[in-house]
């Protein structure tokens, strides 16, 4: 359903799912015309537009998206707003630390992160 909507919706330089006719962000969180009808037709449970934004942010964080990416996609003016979702990725800092893997010099070994912070 979302793929079909993407083909019909206005082009948005920011990749918005429900942009205004000129592709910009809505001035306030207001569902687009026909939103309620689309929910009903797709047999989705009744949910407010803000609930969908919250669900989107939650799912993104739980799938490993960075908080900065969630902030940009949802249009939060401050990272503080987005940080309320950080509890959904309790292993976030561990994943970030696991990115560290430095090859020092040939023959000197490799610096690696060990389980449990050892």
Protein backbone atom coordinates (compact mmCIF):
# COMPACT_ATOMS: atom_id res chain seq x y z
CA UNK A 1 0.00 0.00 0.00
CA UNK A 2 2.82 2.43 0.87
CA UNK A 3 4.65 1.67 -2.38
CA UNK A 4 1.51 2.60 -4.34
CA UNK A 5 1.17 5.79 -2.29
CA UNK A 6 4.81 6.71 -2.97
CA UNK A 7 4.11 6.56 -6.72
CA UNK A 8 1.12 8.91 -6.34
CA UNK A 9 2.29 11.37 -3.69
CA UNK A 10 4.04 14.66 -4.47
CA UNK A 11 7.81 14.54 -4.78
CA UNK A 12 9.52 15.51 -1.54
CA UNK A 13 13.21 16.40 -1.31
CA UNK A 14 13.18 15.27 2.34
CA UNK A 15 11.56 11.89 1.60
CA UNK A 16 8.36 12.72 3.48
CA UNK A 17 5.62 10.08 3.34
CA UNK A 18 2.78 12.63 3.46
CA UNK A 19 4.13 15.91 2.07
CA UNK A 20 2.06 18.94 1.10
CA UNK A 21 1.26 19.45 -2.59
CA UNK A 22 4.59 21.28 -3.07
CA UNK A 23 6.56 18.49 -1.34
CA UNK A 24 7.15 20.32 1.94
CA UNK A 25 6.27 19.29 5.49
CA UNK A 26 2.79 20.02 6.82
CA UNK A 27 2.66 23.03 9.13
CA UNK A 28 1.19 20.88 11.91
CA UNK A 29 0.49 17.22 12.44
CA UNK A 30 -2.67 16.89 10.44
CA UNK A 31 -3.41 13.77 8.42
CA UNK A 32 -3.78 14.26 4.69
CA UNK A 33 -7.21 14.32 3.10
CA UNK A 34 -8.62 10.82 2.86
CA UNK A 35 -6.42 9.41 5.63
CA UNK A 36 -9.33 8.04 7.70
CA UNK A 37 -10.90 6.50 4.62
CA UNK A 38 -7.62 4.80 3.68
CA UNK A 39 -7.32 3.33 7.19
CA UNK A 40 -10.87 2.01 7.01
CA UNK A 41 -10.44 0.61 3.50
CA UNK A 42 -7.24 -1.19 4.51
CA UNK A 43 -8.93 -2.55 7.65
CA UNK A 44 -6.24 -0.97 9.81
CA UNK A 45 -7.24 -0.15 13.36
CA UNK A 46 -8.25 3.45 13.99
CA UNK A 47 -5.11 5.37 14.92
CA UNK A 48 -4.31 9.04 15.03
CA UNK A 49 -1.68 10.52 12.77
CA UNK A 50 0.58 11.25 15.76
CA UNK A 51 0.34 7.58 16.74
CA UNK A 52 1.67 6.61 13.32
CA UNK A 53 4.59 9.03 13.71
CA UNK A 54 5.36 7.54 17.12
CA UNK A 55 5.13 3.99 15.72
CA UNK A 56 7.39 4.92 12.81
CA UNK A 57 10.04 6.36 15.15
CA UNK A 58 9.82 3.36 17.49
CA UNK A 59 10.18 0.82 14.69
CA UNK A 60 13.08 2.70 13.13
CA UNK A 61 15.02 2.83 16.41
CA UNK A 62 14.31 -0.83 17.17
CA UNK A 63 15.61 -1.79 13.72
CA UNK A 64 18.88 0.02 14.30
CA UNK A 65 18.34 3.43 12.70
CA UNK A 66 20.37 6.22 14.24
CA UNK A 67 18.56 8.78 16.36
CA UNK A 68 19.87 11.50 14.03
CA UNK A 69 18.22 9.78 11.04
CA UNK A 70 14.93 9.47 12.94
CA UNK A 71 15.15 13.14 13.90
CA UNK A 72 15.65 14.19 10.29
CA UNK A 73 12.93 11.97 8.84
CA UNK A 74 10.32 12.97 11.42
CA UNK A 75 11.30 16.64 11.32
CA UNK A 76 12.08 17.03 15.02
CA UNK A 77 13.71 20.44 15.52
CA UNK A 78 15.73 19.12 18.47
CA UNK A 79 17.48 15.80 19.04
CA UNK A 80 16.09 15.94 22.59
CA UNK A 81 12.63 15.15 21.19
CA UNK A 82 13.99 12.13 19.35
CA UNK A 83 16.02 10.86 22.31
CA UNK A 84 12.83 9.76 24.07
CA UNK A 85 12.93 6.74 21.75
CA UNK A 86 16.48 5.73 22.76
CA UNK A 87 15.22 3.31 25.42
CA UNK A 88 13.91 1.12 22.60
CA UNK A 89 17.47 0.28 21.59
CA UNK A 90 19.18 -0.66 24.87
CA UNK A 91 22.08 -2.22 23.00
CA UNK A 92 22.60 0.94 20.94
CA UNK A 93 25.84 1.97 22.66
CA UNK A 94 27.18 -1.59 22.48
CA UNK A 95 26.47 -1.70 18.72
CA UNK A 96 28.20 1.64 18.27
CA UNK A 97 31.23 0.44 20.26
CA UNK A 98 31.33 -2.74 18.15
CA UNK A 99 31.99 -0.60 15.09
CA UNK A 100 35.48 -0.06 16.47
CA UNK A 101 37.93 -2.47 14.96
CA UNK A 102 41.31 -0.90 14.29
CA UNK A 103 44.10 -2.62 12.43
CA UNK A 104 47.16 -1.20 14.15
CA UNK A 105 50.07 -2.31 11.96
CA UNK A 106 50.77 -5.58 10.23
CA UNK A 107 52.12 -8.00 12.81
CA UNK A 108 51.02 -5.95 15.86
CA UNK A 109 47.55 -7.41 16.14
CA UNK A 110 44.10 -5.91 16.19
CA UNK A 111 42.17 -3.89 18.77
CA UNK A 112 38.73 -5.42 19.30
CA UNK A 113 35.78 -4.87 21.62
CA UNK A 114 35.24 -7.88 23.89
CA UNK A 115 31.86 -8.97 25.29
CA UNK A 116 31.11 -7.46 28.69
CA UNK A 117 33.40 -4.48 28.10
CA UNK A 118 36.57 -6.42 28.97
